[in-house]
């Protein structure tokens, strides 16, 4: 399925962008991309998980049984999550190739597991204390030091519900519009991003397409659209 498709697109030289429902989509997309970089290029794939939730539950730790709360754990090869890809080979990353960023909701046993695995985690307290610029540069430096490439897995609930209400699991205190743009611009400047997920956008919960518009603008920044490139509303009117 998705893993196979991700592998084929990456192999064709394009930057695969996956848009979907919940975060379990990443189990397929990241697996396929990781397979391509490990098998064909011998380069490590790092994953930046922009999310309100850590998604590092396993069947043994989960409180809800939701698969989308296990996707990061699946990518790191945790047990109890085999046979989810059908016949596709499972290609895991190591926990030190995962960065959980913007986290503000984590279950007790999940927290313990993340600590045991020493997964890098920048929660909202760290972001408030150091700013996203410093923390994202740290991620970029680590990827560069290992000659790696970066997959950005962007859950829209990473953003504050005030700017992105169109998600099923809102958690207050998320990233601001400006923080999110700076993250995307720094990632673009790094030249390391080779694949992207955008998940959890629910149009039925959105307010007149606000969340969708923000998501589109952020992905624009990730691919190099500068704020100075955007027409201001007054210019647009004058030109028409």
C-alpha atoms as a PDB file:
ATOM      1  CA  UNK A   1       0.000   0.000   0.000  1.00  0.00           C
ATOM      2  CA  UNK A   2       1.290   3.360   1.139  1.00  0.00           C
ATOM      3  CA  UNK A   3       4.741   2.107   2.124  1.00  0.00           C
ATOM      4  CA  UNK A   4       5.279   0.640  -1.340  1.00  0.00           C
ATOM      5  CA  UNK A   5       4.074   3.868  -2.983  1.00  0.00           C
ATOM      6  CA  UNK A   6       6.318   6.003  -0.751  1.00  0.00           C
ATOM      7  CA  UNK A   7       9.319   3.862  -1.678  1.00  0.00           C
ATOM      8  CA  UNK A   8       8.525   4.162  -5.409  1.00  0.00           C
ATOM      9  CA  UNK A   9       8.046   7.967  -5.321  1.00  0.00           C
ATOM     10  CA  UNK A  10      11.257   8.524  -3.351  1.00  0.00           C
ATOM     11  CA  UNK A  11      13.098   6.228  -5.733  1.00  0.00           C
ATOM     12  CA  UNK A  12      11.826   8.299  -8.661  1.00  0.00           C
ATOM     13  CA  UNK A  13      13.603  11.349  -7.227  1.00  0.00           C
ATOM     14  CA  UNK A  14      10.493  13.325  -6.206  1.00  0.00           C
ATOM     15  CA  UNK A  15       9.747  14.663  -2.733  1.00  0.00           C
ATOM     16  CA  UNK A  16       6.734  12.641  -1.580  1.00  0.00           C
ATOM     17  CA  UNK A  17       4.058  14.652   0.260  1.00  0.00           C
ATOM     18  CA  UNK A  18       1.421  12.578   2.040  1.00  0.00           C
ATOM     19  CA  UNK A  19      -1.884  14.108   3.085  1.00  0.00           C
ATOM     20  CA  UNK A  20      -4.299  12.084   5.047  1.00  0.00           C
ATOM     21  CA  UNK A  21      -6.543  11.415   7.948  1.00  0.00           C
ATOM     22  CA  UNK A  22      -4.963  10.368  11.219  1.00  0.00           C
ATOM     23  CA  UNK A  23      -1.307   9.937  12.106  1.00  0.00           C
ATOM     24  CA  UNK A  24      -1.292   6.179  11.486  1.00  0.00           C
ATOM     25  CA  UNK A  25      -0.669   7.201   7.840  1.00  0.00           C
ATOM     26  CA  UNK A  26       2.994   7.726   8.862  1.00  0.00           C
ATOM     27  CA  UNK A  27       3.427   4.043   9.569  1.00  0.00           C
ATOM     28  CA  UNK A  28       3.281   3.482   5.809  1.00  0.00           C
ATOM     29  CA  UNK A  29       4.786   6.714   4.471  1.00  0.00           C
ATOM     30  CA  UNK A  30       7.845   6.851   6.735  1.00  0.00           C
ATOM     31  CA  UNK A  31       8.465   3.114   6.439  1.00  0.00           C
ATOM     32  CA  UNK A  32       8.648   3.340   2.637  1.00  0.00           C
ATOM     33  CA  UNK A  33      10.841   6.437   2.661  1.00  0.00           C
ATOM     34  CA  UNK A  34      13.162   4.918   5.314  1.00  0.00           C
ATOM     35  CA  UNK A  35      13.477   1.800   3.195  1.00  0.00           C
ATOM     36  CA  UNK A  36      14.539   3.891   0.205  1.00  0.00           C
ATOM     37  CA  UNK A  37      17.187   5.923   2.078  1.00  0.00           C
ATOM     38  CA  UNK A  38      18.619   2.949   3.968  1.00  0.00           C
ATOM     39  CA  UNK A  39      18.653   0.441   1.112  1.00  0.00           C
ATOM     40  CA  UNK A  40      19.420   2.622  -1.886  1.00  0.00           C
ATOM     41  CA  UNK A  41      21.538   5.415  -0.378  1.00  0.00           C
ATOM     42  CA  UNK A  42      22.821   4.117   2.929  1.00  0.00           C
ATOM     43  CA  UNK A  43      21.770   7.403   4.569  1.00  0.00           C
ATOM     44  CA  UNK A  44      19.852   7.560   7.860  1.00  0.00           C
ATOM     45  CA  UNK A  45      16.337   8.988   7.797  1.00  0.00           C
ATOM     46  CA  UNK A  46      15.536  11.300  10.703  1.00  0.00           C
ATOM     47  CA  UNK A  47      11.914  12.080  11.546  1.00  0.00           C
ATOM     48  CA  UNK A  48      10.722  15.399  12.969  1.00  0.00           C
ATOM     49  CA  UNK A  49       7.368  14.755  14.648  1.00  0.00           C
ATOM     50  CA  UNK A  50       5.499  18.076  14.927  1.00  0.00           C
ATOM     51  CA  UNK A  51       2.596  17.084  17.151  1.00  0.00           C
ATOM     52  CA  UNK A  52       0.702  17.869  20.352  1.00  0.00           C
ATOM     53  CA  UNK A  53       0.959  14.142  21.168  1.00  0.00           C
ATOM     54  CA  UNK A  54       4.009  11.893  21.380  1.00  0.00           C
ATOM     55  CA  UNK A  55       2.247   8.996  19.579  1.00  0.00           C
ATOM     56  CA  UNK A  56       4.713   6.633  21.266  1.00  0.00           C
ATOM     57  CA  UNK A  57       2.220   4.207  22.783  1.00  0.00           C
ATOM     58  CA  UNK A  58       2.369   0.467  22.178  1.00  0.00           C
ATOM     59  CA  UNK A  59      -0.393  -2.131  22.665  1.00  0.00           C
ATOM     60  CA  UNK A  60       1.123  -2.642  26.160  1.00  0.00           C
ATOM     61  CA  UNK A  61       1.006   1.055  27.191  1.00  0.00           C
ATOM     62  CA  UNK A  62      -2.010   2.499  25.371  1.00  0.00           C
ATOM     63  CA  UNK A  63      -5.011   3.784  27.313  1.00  0.00           C
ATOM     64  CA  UNK A  64      -7.294   4.162  24.290  1.00  0.00           C
ATOM     65  CA  UNK A  65      -6.184   1.485  21.825  1.00  0.00           C
ATOM     66  CA  UNK A  66      -6.006   4.130  19.071  1.00  0.00           C
ATOM     67  CA  UNK A  67      -3.549   3.119  16.349  1.00  0.00           C
ATOM     68  CA  UNK A  68      -2.690   6.736  15.551  1.00  0.00           C
ATOM     69  CA  UNK A  69      -1.282   7.028  19.081  1.00  0.00           C
ATOM     70  CA  UNK A  70       1.247   4.280  18.268  1.00  0.00           C
ATOM     71  CA  UNK A  71       2.678   5.477  14.967  1.00  0.00           C
ATOM     72  CA  UNK A  72       5.950   6.936  16.285  1.00  0.00           C
ATOM     73  CA  UNK A  73       6.529   3.784  18.365  1.00  0.00           C
ATOM     74  CA  UNK A  74       5.906   1.652  15.283  1.00  0.00           C
ATOM     75  CA  UNK A  75       8.526   3.608  13.297  1.00  0.00           C
ATOM     76  CA  UNK A  76      11.107   2.970  16.004  1.00  0.00           C
ATOM     77  CA  UNK A  77      10.567  -0.797  15.837  1.00  0.00           C
ATOM     78  CA  UNK A  78       8.672  -1.237  19.116  1.00  0.00           C
ATOM     79  CA  UNK A  79       7.249  -4.699  19.705  1.00  0.00           C
ATOM     80  CA  UNK A  80       3.620  -5.728  19.443  1.00  0.00           C
ATOM     81  CA  UNK A  81       3.126  -3.790  16.197  1.00  0.00           C
ATOM     82  CA  UNK A  82       4.209  -6.335  13.596  1.00  0.00           C
ATOM     83  CA  UNK A  83       2.225  -7.297  10.472  1.00  0.00           C
ATOM     84  CA  UNK A  84       0.699  -3.834  10.022  1.00  0.00           C
ATOM     85  CA  UNK A  85       2.170  -3.438   6.531  1.00  0.00           C
ATOM     86  CA  UNK A  86       0.870  -6.627   4.954  1.00  0.00           C
ATOM     87  CA  UNK A  87       3.669  -8.103   2.875  1.00  0.00           C
ATOM     88  CA  UNK A  88       5.811  -4.929   2.893  1.00  0.00           C
ATOM     89  CA  UNK A  89       9.142  -5.137   4.761  1.00  0.00           C
ATOM     90  CA  UNK A  90       9.272  -3.175   8.018  1.00  0.00           C
ATOM     91  CA  UNK A  91      12.242  -0.798   8.027  1.00  0.00           C
ATOM     92  CA  UNK A  92      12.622   0.885  11.387  1.00  0.00           C
ATOM     93  CA  UNK A  93      14.524   3.985  12.412  1.00  0.00           C
ATOM     94  CA  UNK A  94      16.329   4.072  15.773  1.00  0.00           C
ATOM     95  CA  UNK A  95      14.847   6.136  18.640  1.00  0.00           C
ATOM     96  CA  UNK A  96      17.730   8.625  18.329  1.00  0.00           C
ATOM     97  CA  UNK A  97      16.548   9.413  14.770  1.00  0.00           C
ATOM     98  CA  UNK A  98      13.188  10.672  16.063  1.00  0.00           C
ATOM     99  CA  UNK A  99      12.508  14.194  17.387  1.00  0.00           C
ATOM    100  CA  UNK A 100       9.208  14.785  19.155  1.00  0.00           C
ATOM    101  CA  UNK A 101       8.504  18.512  18.849  1.00  0.00           C
ATOM    102  CA  UNK A 102       5.733  20.629  20.362  1.00  0.00           C
ATOM    103  CA  UNK A 103       4.473  17.847  22.626  1.00  0.00           C
ATOM    104  CA  UNK A 104       1.993  18.804  25.329  1.00  0.00           C
ATOM    105  CA  UNK A 105       0.003  15.605  25.887  1.00  0.00           C
ATOM    106  CA  UNK A 106       1.612  12.292  26.854  1.00  0.00           C
ATOM    107  CA  UNK A 107       0.294   9.238  28.735  1.00  0.00           C
ATOM    108  CA  UNK A 108       2.111   8.044  31.902  1.00  0.00           C
ATOM    109  CA  UNK A 109       3.435   4.711  30.547  1.00  0.00           C
ATOM    110  CA  UNK A 110       4.187   6.326  27.191  1.00  0.00           C
ATOM    111  CA  UNK A 111       6.290   8.972  28.969  1.00  0.00           C
ATOM    112  CA  UNK A 112       8.248   6.220  30.731  1.00  0.00           C
ATOM    113  CA  UNK A 113       8.909   4.425  27.430  1.00  0.00           C
ATOM    114  CA  UNK A 114      10.033   7.627  25.668  1.00  0.00           C
ATOM    115  CA  UNK A 115      12.484   8.249  28.549  1.00  0.00           C
ATOM    116  CA  UNK A 116      13.800   4.671  28.457  1.00  0.00           C
ATOM    117  CA  UNK A 117      14.396   4.929  24.706  1.00  0.00           C
ATOM    118  CA  UNK A 118      15.983   8.386  25.132  1.00  0.00           C
ATOM    119  CA  UNK A 119      13.886   9.891  22.356  1.00  0.00           C
ATOM    120  CA  UNK A 120      14.641  13.604  21.920  1.00  0.00           C
ATOM    121  CA  UNK A 121      11.639  15.608  23.026  1.00  0.00           C
ATOM    122  CA  UNK A 122      11.062  19.354  22.785  1.00  0.00           C
ATOM    123  CA  UNK A 123       7.878  19.986  24.706  1.00  0.00           C
ATOM    124  CA  UNK A 124       6.101  23.337  24.908  1.00  0.00           C
ATOM    125  CA  UNK A 125       8.039  24.268  28.057  1.00  0.00           C
ATOM    126  CA  UNK A 126      11.337  23.875  26.157  1.00  0.00           C
ATOM    127  CA  UNK A 127       9.911  25.885  23.255  1.00  0.00           C
ATOM    128  CA  UNK A 128       8.828  28.680  25.635  1.00  0.00           C
ATOM    129  CA  UNK A 129      12.230  28.653  27.299  1.00  0.00           C
ATOM    130  CA  UNK A 130      14.568  28.458  24.289  1.00  0.00           C
ATOM    131  CA  UNK A 131      12.416  29.377  21.274  1.00  0.00           C
ATOM    132  CA  UNK A 132      11.776  27.246  18.193  1.00  0.00           C
ATOM    133  CA  UNK A 133      14.770  28.693  16.292  1.00  0.00           C
ATOM    134  CA  UNK A 134      17.351  27.298  18.715  1.00  0.00           C
ATOM    135  CA  UNK A 135      15.598  23.928  19.036  1.00  0.00           C
ATOM    136  CA  UNK A 136      15.037  23.351  15.311  1.00  0.00           C
ATOM    137  CA  UNK A 137      18.656  24.279  14.554  1.00  0.00           C
ATOM    138  CA  UNK A 138      19.690  21.614  17.064  1.00  0.00           C
ATOM    139  CA  UNK A 139      17.660  19.014  15.123  1.00  0.00           C
ATOM    140  CA  UNK A 140      19.148  20.199  11.811  1.00  0.00           C
ATOM    141  CA  UNK A 141      22.724  20.014  13.172  1.00  0.00           C
ATOM    142  CA  UNK A 142      22.164  16.456  14.386  1.00  0.00           C
ATOM    143  CA  UNK A 143      20.867  15.318  10.991  1.00  0.00           C
ATOM    144  CA  UNK A 144      23.768  17.021   9.169  1.00  0.00           C
ATOM    145  CA  UNK A 145      26.348  15.477  11.515  1.00  0.00           C
ATOM    146  CA  UNK A 146      25.160  11.989  10.474  1.00  0.00           C
ATOM    147  CA  UNK A 147      24.799  12.869   6.759  1.00  0.00           C
ATOM    148  CA  UNK A 148      21.113  12.116   7.158  1.00  0.00           C
ATOM    149  CA  UNK A 149      17.923  13.323   5.488  1.00  0.00           C
ATOM    150  CA  UNK A 150      14.778  14.550   7.177  1.00  0.00           C
ATOM    151  CA  UNK A 151      11.131  13.528   7.030  1.00  0.00           C
ATOM    152  CA  UNK A 152       8.707  16.092   8.494  1.00  0.00           C
ATOM    153  CA  UNK A 153       5.571  14.544   9.963  1.00  0.00           C
ATOM    154  CA  UNK A 154       3.248  17.481  10.611  1.00  0.00           C
ATOM    155  CA  UNK A 155       0.147  16.871  12.692  1.00  0.00           C
ATOM    156  CA  UNK A 156      -2.036  19.963  12.444  1.00  0.00           C
ATOM    157  CA  UNK A 157      -2.804  19.742  16.199  1.00  0.00           C
ATOM    158  CA  UNK A 158       0.822  20.854  16.744  1.00  0.00           C
ATOM    159  CA  UNK A 159      -0.612  24.340  16.146  1.00  0.00           C
ATOM    160  CA  UNK A 160      -2.616  26.183  18.762  1.00  0.00           C
ATOM    161  CA  UNK A 161      -6.371  25.543  18.407  1.00  0.00           C
ATOM    162  CA  UNK A 162      -6.902  29.314  18.133  1.00  0.00           C
ATOM    163  CA  UNK A 163      -5.297  29.242  14.656  1.00  0.00           C
ATOM    164  CA  UNK A 164      -6.055  25.628  13.737  1.00  0.00           C
ATOM    165  CA  UNK A 165      -9.431  24.564  15.140  1.00  0.00           C
ATOM    166  CA  UNK A 166     -10.034  21.891  12.466  1.00  0.00           C
ATOM    167  CA  UNK A 167      -8.632  18.879  14.337  1.00  0.00           C
ATOM    168  CA  UNK A 168     -10.305  16.122  16.340  1.00  0.00           C
ATOM    169  CA  UNK A 169      -7.947  16.222  19.326  1.00  0.00           C
ATOM    170  CA  UNK A 170      -7.260  19.866  20.177  1.00  0.00           C
ATOM    171  CA  UNK A 171      -4.820  20.571  23.016  1.00  0.00           C
ATOM    172  CA  UNK A 172      -4.479  24.185  24.200  1.00  0.00           C
ATOM    173  CA  UNK A 173      -1.100  25.926  24.285  1.00  0.00           C
ATOM    174  CA  UNK A 174       0.204  24.945  20.842  1.00  0.00           C
ATOM    175  CA  UNK A 175       2.601  26.617  18.430  1.00  0.00           C
ATOM    176  CA  UNK A 176       1.739  30.074  17.137  1.00  0.00           C
ATOM    177  CA  UNK A 177       1.426  30.985  13.478  1.00  0.00           C
ATOM    178  CA  UNK A 178       4.792  32.773  13.601  1.00  0.00           C
ATOM    179  CA  UNK A 179       6.587  29.926  15.387  1.00  0.00           C
ATOM    180  CA  UNK A 180       5.282  27.426  12.845  1.00  0.00           C
ATOM    181  CA  UNK A 181       6.390  29.593   9.900  1.00  0.00           C
ATOM    182  CA  UNK A 182       9.869  30.031  11.358  1.00  0.00           C
ATOM    183  CA  UNK A 183      10.177  26.254  11.792  1.00  0.00           C
ATOM    184  CA  UNK A 184       9.200  25.660   8.161  1.00  0.00           C
ATOM    185  CA  UNK A 185      11.545  28.385   6.861  1.00  0.00           C
ATOM    186  CA  UNK A 186      14.516  27.021   8.826  1.00  0.00           C
ATOM    187  CA  UNK A 187      13.750  23.508   7.593  1.00  0.00           C
ATOM    188  CA  UNK A 188      13.641  24.763   4.012  1.00  0.00           C
ATOM    189  CA  UNK A 189      16.956  26.600   4.429  1.00  0.00           C
ATOM    190  CA  UNK A 190      18.570  23.402   5.746  1.00  0.00           C
ATOM    191  CA  UNK A 191      17.989  21.602   2.430  1.00  0.00           C
ATOM    192  CA  UNK A 192      17.495  18.337   4.336  1.00  0.00           C
ATOM    193  CA  UNK A 193      13.749  17.728   3.955  1.00  0.00           C
ATOM    194  CA  UNK A 194      13.028  14.925   1.497  1.00  0.00           C
ATOM    195  CA  UNK A 195       9.491  13.873   2.466  1.00  0.00           C
ATOM    196  CA  UNK A 196       6.496  15.265   4.358  1.00  0.00           C
ATOM    197  CA  UNK A 197       3.251  14.137   6.015  1.00  0.00           C
ATOM    198  CA  UNK A 198       0.333  16.442   6.776  1.00  0.00           C
ATOM    199  CA  UNK A 199      -2.235  14.715   8.987  1.00  0.00           C
ATOM    200  CA  UNK A 200      -5.274  15.162  11.257  1.00  0.00           C
ATOM    201  CA  UNK A 201      -6.928  18.032   9.363  1.00  0.00           C
ATOM    202  CA  UNK A 202     -10.680  17.519   9.714  1.00  0.00           C
ATOM    203  CA  UNK A 203     -12.663  19.812   7.375  1.00  0.00           C
ATOM    204  CA  UNK A 204     -15.903  19.089   9.270  1.00  0.00           C
ATOM    205  CA  UNK A 205     -14.431  20.638  12.417  1.00  0.00           C
ATOM    206  CA  UNK A 206     -12.770  23.550  10.622  1.00  0.00           C
ATOM    207  CA  UNK A 207     -14.100  27.121  10.611  1.00  0.00           C
ATOM    208  CA  UNK A 208     -14.598  28.259   7.020  1.00  0.00           C
ATOM    209  CA  UNK A 209     -11.375  26.565   5.891  1.00  0.00           C
ATOM    210  CA  UNK A 210      -9.106  28.455   8.324  1.00  0.00           C
ATOM    211  CA  UNK A 211      -7.043  25.428   9.342  1.00  0.00           C
ATOM    212  CA  UNK A 212      -6.671  24.226   5.758  1.00  0.00           C
ATOM    213  CA  UNK A 213      -5.422  27.668   4.693  1.00  0.00           C
ATOM    214  CA  UNK A 214      -2.841  27.780   7.481  1.00  0.00           C
ATOM    215  CA  UNK A 215      -1.630  24.264   6.590  1.00  0.00           C
ATOM    216  CA  UNK A 216      -1.221  25.255   2.923  1.00  0.00           C
ATOM    217  CA  UNK A 217       0.726  28.395   3.871  1.00  0.00           C
ATOM    218  CA  UNK A 218       3.040  26.447   6.160  1.00  0.00           C
ATOM    219  CA  UNK A 219       3.781  23.828   3.526  1.00  0.00           C
ATOM    220  CA  UNK A 220       4.460  26.730   1.130  1.00  0.00           C
ATOM    221  CA  UNK A 221       7.094  28.017   3.576  1.00  0.00           C
ATOM    222  CA  UNK A 222       8.595  24.543   3.883  1.00  0.00           C
ATOM    223  CA  UNK A 223       9.120  24.534   0.116  1.00  0.00           C
ATOM    224  CA  UNK A 224      10.670  27.994   0.037  1.00  0.00           C
ATOM    225  CA  UNK A 225       7.847  30.499  -0.231  1.00  0.00           C
ATOM    226  CA  UNK A 226       9.082  33.598   1.615  1.00  0.00           C
ATOM    227  CA  UNK A 227       6.758  35.948   3.480  1.00  0.00           C
ATOM    228  CA  UNK A 228       8.089  38.695   1.177  1.00  0.00           C
ATOM    229  CA  UNK A 229       6.901  36.670  -1.843  1.00  0.00           C
ATOM    230  CA  UNK A 230       3.281  36.778  -0.747  1.00  0.00           C
ATOM    231  CA  UNK A 231       1.045  39.441  -2.282  1.00  0.00           C
ATOM    232  CA  UNK A 232      -0.474  41.655   0.393  1.00  0.00           C
ATOM    233  CA  UNK A 233      -4.282  41.880   0.184  1.00  0.00           C
ATOM    234  CA  UNK A 234      -4.060  45.587  -0.850  1.00  0.00           C
ATOM    235  CA  UNK A 235      -1.614  44.765  -3.693  1.00  0.00           C
ATOM    236  CA  UNK A 236      -3.859  41.979  -4.881  1.00  0.00           C
ATOM    237  CA  UNK A 237      -6.791  44.379  -5.074  1.00  0.00           C
ATOM    238  CA  UNK A 238      -4.750  47.002  -6.946  1.00  0.00           C
ATOM    239  CA  UNK A 239      -3.545  44.447  -9.466  1.00  0.00           C
ATOM    240  CA  UNK A 240      -7.060  43.213 -10.178  1.00  0.00           C
END
